[in-house]
Amino acid sequence: MNIGINGLGRVGRGILRALLEYDEKYNNINLVAINSPARLEEQLHLIKYDSVFGRLTHQIHVADDTLVIGRHTIKITHEKEINKLHWQQKHADIVLECSGKFNSKNLAKDHLKQGAKKIIISAPCEGADKTIILGVNENDLTPIDQIISIGSCTTNCVAPVVNIIQQKIGILSGFMTTVHSYTNDQNIIDASHKDLRRARAAGLSIIPTTTGATKIIGQVIPALNGKLKGAAIRIPTPNVSLIDLTLQVAEETSVEEINQTLKNASLSNPEILGITEEPLVSIDFIKDPRSAIIDLQETQVVGNNLVRIVAWYDNEWGFSCRMLDMVHLMRNFS
């Protein structure tokens, strides 16, 4: 299966690195094209050197606007408009839309006009044919779906967790707080921003802000529609986040039952859900490919029906891996 990437930011480069690092797992995915407005010299430098993930160990060979990295021969373009991308000429079957600029069906569908057969969007997408969260509702995908959103990194963490609890004992209501590393939507120094808190220097403050992660839950788990809300706390770290989830459950439960339920789920779907019983901190989860890693030491139950669950996630690496896993899934329908 040949793929192209539109947008070589944190997610786009994460996908490239994950594709190289897990070559055996993704050996039937070929990266044939990357589009990014940035100059080739900038792209090469940021591919080679990463402040979070370190130096790329693979050699990069450059010929004109073509990169050869490992087994991948990649055509590089620098277009800002989709209608100039010509994916068919590049033999790209599935486009991974990672630019952050085409997060609606009306905008993204132009990739199809340029020869792509399917589109996977690395963000919530208005009007997408389906929103699919792996480990939750992948069975909803059908051959006719062309424009797929995989939601956000935070949704990919929280959705598998609440899905497990909903199936086991039911959820009446809940609130999620994501304690989230800063992103490029924030400012390094104080500067203008429509969100006045995100206008402040990301590395100097704990910043309360919003998240749309729980809004998508009702789309992928209809039984929880309208039952969950959430907020975000942005913190001065560059990567790895956690969700702090409080749930009012429908049946009486205990810490032991909750943790055993989550342990069992991690055994049945280990690529998506993990557990830890060690006293770890955020840096220990850098480059963890799983969507959610439950911190079992943090589970609490109050009054038999108020449950607290904490889960870690590498908000860049894990999400990049889900993009590639979605390619695998869509490949089965091509």
Protein backbone atom coordinates (compact mmCIF):
# COMPACT_ATOMS: atom_id res chain seq x y z
CA MET A 1 0.00 0.00 0.00
CA ASN A 2 1.47 3.36 -1.08
CA ILE A 3 0.88 6.40 1.11
CA GLY A 4 1.53 10.11 0.89
CA ILE A 5 1.79 12.58 3.75
CA ASN A 6 0.48 16.12 3.50
CA GLY A 7 2.06 18.20 6.25
CA LEU A 8 5.43 17.41 7.82
CA GLY A 9 4.95 18.78 11.32
CA ARG A 10 5.17 16.84 14.58
CA VAL A 11 2.67 14.18 13.49
CA GLY A 12 3.95 13.91 9.91
CA ARG A 13 7.54 13.44 11.03
CA GLY A 14 6.39 11.08 13.78
CA ILE A 15 4.69 8.92 11.15
CA LEU A 16 7.88 8.86 9.08
CA ARG A 17 10.01 7.85 12.07
CA ALA A 18 7.53 5.21 13.27
CA LEU A 19 7.38 3.76 9.75
CA LEU A 20 11.17 3.40 9.78
CA GLU A 21 11.44 2.17 13.36
CA TYR A 22 8.73 -0.48 13.06
CA ASP A 23 9.63 -1.58 9.55
CA GLU A 24 8.76 -5.22 10.17
CA LYS A 25 5.26 -4.34 11.39
CA TYR A 26 4.59 -1.87 8.59
CA ASN A 27 6.52 -3.65 5.83
CA ASN A 28 3.57 -3.49 3.42
CA ILE A 29 3.29 0.30 3.68
CA ASN A 30 5.40 2.33 1.27
CA LEU A 31 5.84 6.07 1.74
CA VAL A 32 6.04 7.49 -1.79
CA ALA A 33 5.34 11.22 -1.33
CA ILE A 34 5.52 14.03 1.20
CA ASN A 35 4.12 17.51 0.66
CA SER A 36 5.16 20.39 2.89
CA PRO A 37 5.57 24.08 2.07
CA ALA A 38 8.88 24.18 3.97
CA ARG A 39 12.15 24.25 2.04
CA LEU A 40 13.82 20.87 1.52
CA GLU A 41 16.81 21.93 3.67
CA GLU A 42 14.48 22.65 6.60
CA GLN A 43 12.65 19.37 6.18
CA LEU A 44 15.86 17.35 6.06
CA HIS A 45 17.20 18.97 9.20
CA LEU A 46 14.01 18.37 11.17
CA ILE A 47 13.81 14.78 9.95
CA LYS A 48 17.39 14.11 11.03
CA TYR A 49 17.35 15.90 14.38
CA ASP A 50 14.49 15.87 16.89
CA SER A 51 14.58 17.50 20.31
CA VAL A 52 12.33 14.81 21.82
CA PHE A 53 13.14 11.63 19.88
CA GLY A 54 16.81 12.28 19.11
CA ARG A 55 18.82 11.76 15.94
CA LEU A 56 17.48 9.66 13.11
CA THR A 57 19.65 6.55 12.78
CA HIS A 58 18.80 5.96 9.12
CA GLN A 59 20.84 7.44 6.30
CA ILE A 60 19.05 9.90 4.00
CA HIS A 61 20.01 10.13 0.33
CA VAL A 62 18.85 13.14 -1.68
CA ALA A 63 18.50 13.41 -5.46
CA ASP A 64 16.72 16.51 -6.74
CA ASP A 65 13.39 16.49 -4.86
CA THR A 66 13.51 12.80 -3.98
CA LEU A 67 14.56 11.28 -0.66
CA VAL A 68 15.63 7.70 -0.17
CA ILE A 69 15.34 6.60 3.48
CA GLY A 70 15.59 2.90 4.20
CA ARG A 71 13.40 1.12 1.64
CA HIS A 72 11.30 4.24 0.93
CA THR A 73 11.77 6.42 -2.15
CA ILE A 74 9.87 9.63 -1.41
CA LYS A 75 8.94 12.40 -3.82
CA ILE A 76 9.00 15.80 -2.07
CA THR A 77 6.75 18.69 -3.08
CA HIS A 78 6.15 22.11 -1.57
CA GLU A 79 2.59 23.00 -2.51
CA LYS A 80 0.14 24.95 -0.33
CA GLU A 81 -2.99 23.95 -2.23
CA ILE A 82 -4.34 20.41 -2.56
CA ASN A 83 -5.30 20.89 -6.19
CA LYS A 84 -1.61 20.94 -7.14
CA LEU A 85 -0.62 17.69 -5.46
CA HIS A 86 -1.45 15.09 -8.17
CA TRP A 87 -1.34 12.06 -5.88
CA GLN A 88 -2.15 9.70 -8.73
CA GLN A 89 1.05 10.65 -10.53
CA LYS A 90 2.97 9.85 -7.35
CA HIS A 91 1.13 6.50 -7.02
CA ALA A 92 -0.16 7.39 -3.53
CA ASP A 93 -3.26 5.36 -2.70
CA ILE A 94 -3.93 6.72 0.81
CA VAL A 95 -3.17 10.28 1.88
CA LEU A 96 -2.40 11.04 5.51
CA GLU A 97 -3.64 14.60 6.00
CA CYS A 98 -1.43 16.02 8.76
CA SER A 99 -1.23 19.71 7.88
CA GLY A 100 -3.95 20.80 10.31
CA LYS A 101 -5.40 23.00 7.55
CA PHE A 102 -7.89 20.66 5.87
CA ASN A 103 -9.84 19.24 8.80
CA SER A 104 -13.27 19.12 7.17
CA LYS A 105 -14.71 16.89 4.50
CA ASN A 106 -15.32 19.84 2.19
CA LEU A 107 -11.65 20.79 2.28
CA ALA A 108 -10.08 17.33 2.46
CA LYS A 109 -12.12 15.82 -0.40
CA ASP A 110 -9.89 17.63 -2.91
CA HIS A 111 -7.28 14.95 -2.21
CA LEU A 112 -9.67 12.50 -3.87
CA LYS A 113 -9.89 14.74 -6.93
CA GLN A 114 -6.10 14.54 -7.16
CA GLY A 115 -6.13 10.75 -7.31
CA ALA A 116 -6.07 9.58 -3.71
CA LYS A 117 -8.37 6.66 -2.98
CA LYS A 118 -8.66 7.23 0.77
CA ILE A 119 -7.82 10.01 3.24
CA ILE A 120 -6.91 9.66 6.91
CA ILE A 121 -7.07 12.92 8.85
CA SER A 122 -4.92 13.38 11.96
CA ALA A 123 -7.50 15.49 13.77
CA PRO A 124 -11.24 15.70 14.39
CA CYS A 125 -12.91 16.28 11.03
CA GLU A 126 -16.25 17.93 10.39
CA GLY A 127 -18.32 15.76 8.07
CA ALA A 128 -15.88 12.83 7.91
CA ASP A 129 -17.35 9.61 6.55
CA LYS A 130 -16.31 7.98 9.84
CA THR A 131 -14.40 8.80 12.97
CA ILE A 132 -12.57 5.66 14.00
CA ILE A 133 -10.77 5.14 17.30
CA LEU A 134 -8.77 1.94 17.20
CA GLY A 135 -9.64 -0.35 20.05
CA VAL A 136 -13.17 1.05 20.16
CA ASN A 137 -15.13 1.16 16.89
CA GLU A 138 -12.91 -0.04 14.06
CA ASN A 139 -15.62 -2.55 13.12
CA ASP A 140 -17.72 0.43 11.97
CA LEU A 141 -15.39 1.02 9.01
CA THR A 142 -16.85 0.04 5.62
CA PRO A 143 -15.36 -0.18 2.11
CA ILE A 144 -17.27 2.92 0.96
CA ASP A 145 -15.73 5.19 3.63
CA GLN A 146 -13.16 7.43 1.99
CA ILE A 147 -12.49 10.25 4.45
CA ILE A 148 -11.61 8.97 7.90
CA SER A 149 -10.73 10.93 11.03
CA ILE A 150 -8.90 9.25 13.89
CA GLY A 151 -9.83 12.04 16.30
CA SER A 152 -7.16 13.50 18.56
CA CYS A 153 -4.33 12.00 20.60
CA THR A 154 -6.36 12.57 23.77
CA THR A 155 -9.49 10.93 22.36
CA ASN A 156 -7.36 7.93 21.42
CA CYS A 157 -6.29 7.68 25.05
CA VAL A 158 -9.62 8.21 26.79
CA ALA A 159 -11.97 6.34 24.43
CA PRO A 160 -10.56 2.81 24.90
CA VAL A 161 -10.55 3.30 28.68
CA VAL A 162 -14.15 4.50 29.02
CA ASN A 163 -15.29 1.89 26.51
CA ILE A 164 -13.97 -0.86 28.76
CA ILE A 165 -15.62 0.56 31.88
CA GLN A 166 -18.89 1.18 30.02
CA GLN A 167 -19.02 -2.42 28.85
CA LYS A 168 -18.14 -3.82 32.29
CA ILE A 169 -20.24 -1.77 34.77
CA GLY A 170 -21.73 1.17 32.88
CA ILE A 171 -21.02 4.90 33.15
CA LEU A 172 -23.60 7.44 34.30
CA SER A 173 -21.41 10.53 33.87
CA GLY A 174 -17.80 11.55 33.92
CA PHE A 175 -15.19 14.28 33.65
CA MET A 176 -11.77 14.04 32.05
CA THR A 177 -8.83 16.36 32.61
CA THR A 178 -5.91 15.98 30.23
CA VAL A 179 -2.62 17.15 31.72
CA HIS A 180 -1.06 17.85 28.35
CA SER A 181 2.40 18.82 27.16
CA TYR A 182 2.57 22.07 25.24
CA THR A 183 2.04 22.03 21.47
CA ASN A 184 2.77 24.31 18.55
CA ASP A 185 -0.63 25.94 19.04
CA GLN A 186 0.91 27.76 22.01
CA ASN A 187 3.43 30.56 22.14
CA ILE A 188 7.04 30.32 23.27
CA ILE A 189 6.83 33.88 24.57
CA ASP A 190 3.76 36.00 25.28
CA ALA A 191 2.11 36.88 21.97
CA SER A 192 -1.32 37.29 20.40
CA HIS A 193 -3.62 34.25 20.41
CA LYS A 194 -7.41 33.90 20.26
CA ASP A 195 -7.19 31.87 23.48
CA LEU A 196 -5.75 34.41 25.91
CA ARG A 197 -4.26 31.73 28.14
CA ARG A 198 -2.53 30.05 25.20
CA ALA A 199 -1.21 33.50 24.37
CA ARG A 200 1.15 33.18 27.34
CA ALA A 201 4.63 31.60 27.29
CA ALA A 202 4.14 27.82 27.17
CA GLY A 203 7.32 26.97 29.02
CA LEU A 204 6.70 29.23 32.00
CA SER A 205 3.21 28.43 33.24
CA ILE A 206 0.59 25.79 33.92
CA ILE A 207 -2.13 26.82 31.49
CA PRO A 208 -5.82 25.87 31.83
CA THR A 209 -7.51 25.59 28.46
CA THR A 210 -10.08 23.61 26.50
CA THR A 211 -10.16 20.21 24.81
CA GLY A 212 -12.58 18.74 22.32
CA ALA A 213 -11.58 15.18 23.15
CA THR A 214 -14.76 14.20 24.97
CA LYS A 215 -17.03 15.60 22.25
CA ILE A 216 -15.98 12.79 19.93
CA ILE A 217 -16.68 10.07 22.50
CA GLY A 218 -20.41 10.13 21.77
CA GLN A 219 -19.70 9.56 18.06
CA VAL A 220 -17.67 6.43 18.62
CA ILE A 221 -19.48 5.15 21.76
CA PRO A 222 -23.14 6.18 21.31
CA ALA A 223 -24.07 4.94 24.81
CA LEU A 224 -21.86 7.68 26.27
CA ASN A 225 -23.18 10.52 24.13
CA GLY A 226 -23.56 13.60 26.36
CA LYS A 227 -22.27 11.84 29.47
CA LEU A 228 -18.67 13.05 29.47
CA LYS A 229 -17.05 16.47 29.56
CA GLY A 230 -13.44 17.53 29.73
CA ALA A 231 -10.81 20.21 30.14
CA ALA A 232 -7.10 20.54 29.51
CA ILE A 233 -4.18 21.73 31.60
CA ARG A 234 -1.17 22.52 29.43
CA ILE A 235 2.16 22.03 31.20
CA PRO A 236 5.80 23.03 30.47
CA THR A 237 6.97 19.69 29.04
CA PRO A 238 7.48 18.99 25.31
CA ASN A 239 5.91 15.53 25.10
CA VAL A 240 3.86 12.89 26.96
CA SER A 241 0.53 13.66 28.59
CA LEU A 242 -1.96 11.97 30.89
CA ILE A 243 -5.70 11.81 31.41
CA ASP A 244 -7.18 12.06 34.90
CA LEU A 245 -10.62 10.53 34.56
CA THR A 246 -13.42 10.65 37.12
CA LEU A 247 -16.44 8.43 36.42
CA GLN A 248 -19.75 7.92 38.17
CA VAL A 249 -20.44 4.28 37.39
CA ALA A 250 -23.75 2.43 37.26
CA GLU A 251 -22.80 -0.47 39.52
CA GLU A 252 -20.89 -0.71 42.77
CA THR A 253 -17.23 -1.46 42.23
CA SER A 254 -13.80 -1.47 43.86
CA VAL A 255 -10.21 -0.58 43.03
CA GLU A 256 -9.48 -4.29 42.64
CA GLU A 257 -12.30 -4.82 40.15
CA ILE A 258 -11.41 -1.75 38.08
CA ASN A 259 -7.72 -2.67 37.91
CA GLN A 260 -8.41 -6.30 37.07
CA THR A 261 -10.82 -5.24 34.33
CA LEU A 262 -8.20 -2.96 32.82
CA LYS A 263 -5.48 -5.61 33.14
CA ASN A 264 -7.63 -8.11 31.29
CA ALA A 265 -8.36 -5.58 28.54
CA SER A 266 -4.65 -4.83 28.12
CA LEU A 267 -3.97 -8.53 27.53
CA SER A 268 -6.58 -8.74 24.78
CA ASN A 269 -5.47 -5.55 22.98
CA PRO A 270 -1.84 -4.89 23.97
CA GLU A 271 -0.98 -2.61 21.04
CA ILE A 272 -3.64 -0.11 22.13
CA LEU A 273 -3.89 -0.45 25.90
CA GLY A 274 -1.15 -1.00 28.45
CA ILE A 275 -0.79 -0.98 32.21
CA THR A 276 1.94 -0.04 34.64
CA GLU A 277 2.20 -0.85 38.32
CA GLU A 278 5.51 0.98 38.74
CA PRO A 279 5.84 4.56 40.09
CA LEU A 280 6.74 6.10 36.71
CA VAL A 281 6.78 9.70 35.45
CA SER A 282 6.12 11.27 32.07
CA ILE A 283 9.60 10.91 30.59
CA ASP A 284 9.33 7.13 30.99
CA PHE A 285 6.62 7.03 28.32
CA ILE A 286 8.45 8.83 25.51
CA LYS A 287 8.08 6.75 22.31
CA ASP A 288 5.52 4.44 23.87
CA PRO A 289 3.41 3.34 20.87
CA ARG A 290 0.26 2.49 22.84
CA SER A 291 -2.78 4.77 22.97
CA ALA A 292 -3.20 4.55 26.76
CA ILE A 293 -1.10 3.15 29.57
CA ILE A 294 -3.14 2.82 32.77
CA ASP A 295 -1.32 3.81 35.95
CA LEU A 296 -2.81 1.21 38.28
CA GLN A 297 -1.26 2.83 41.37
CA GLU A 298 -3.45 5.87 40.77
CA THR A 299 -6.82 4.09 40.60
CA GLN A 300 -9.20 5.16 43.35
CA VAL A 301 -12.84 4.44 44.23
CA VAL A 302 -14.98 6.59 46.54
CA GLY A 303 -18.30 5.36 47.92
CA ASN A 304 -18.32 2.29 45.65
CA ASN A 305 -19.39 4.17 42.53
CA LEU A 306 -17.07 7.16 41.99
CA VAL A 307 -13.99 5.98 40.10
CA ARG A 308 -10.71 7.71 39.32
CA ILE A 309 -8.47 6.34 36.55
CA VAL A 310 -5.17 7.81 35.31
CA ALA A 311 -3.66 6.90 31.94
CA TRP A 312 -0.44 8.07 30.27
CA TYR A 313 0.10 8.58 26.55
CA ASP A 314 2.82 9.82 24.26
CA ASN A 315 0.66 12.36 22.49
CA GLU A 316 2.95 12.41 19.43
CA TRP A 317 4.43 8.93 18.99
CA GLY A 318 1.39 6.88 19.97
CA PHE A 319 -0.87 8.96 17.75
CA SER A 320 1.54 8.62 14.80
CA CYS A 321 1.42 4.84 15.26
CA ARG A 322 -2.39 4.92 15.17
CA MET A 323 -2.24 6.74 11.82
CA LEU A 324 -0.18 3.88 10.40
CA ASP A 325 -2.43 1.28 12.02
CA MET A 326 -5.37 2.94 10.29
CA VAL A 327 -3.58 2.54 6.96
CA HIS A 328 -3.34 -1.18 7.74
CA LEU A 329 -7.05 -1.30 8.49
CA MET A 330 -8.09 0.61 5.37
CA ARG A 331 -5.77 -1.49 3.25
CA ASN A 332 -8.08 -4.43 3.88
CA PHE A 333 -10.85 -2.57 2.03
CA SER A 334 -8.77 -1.49 -0.96
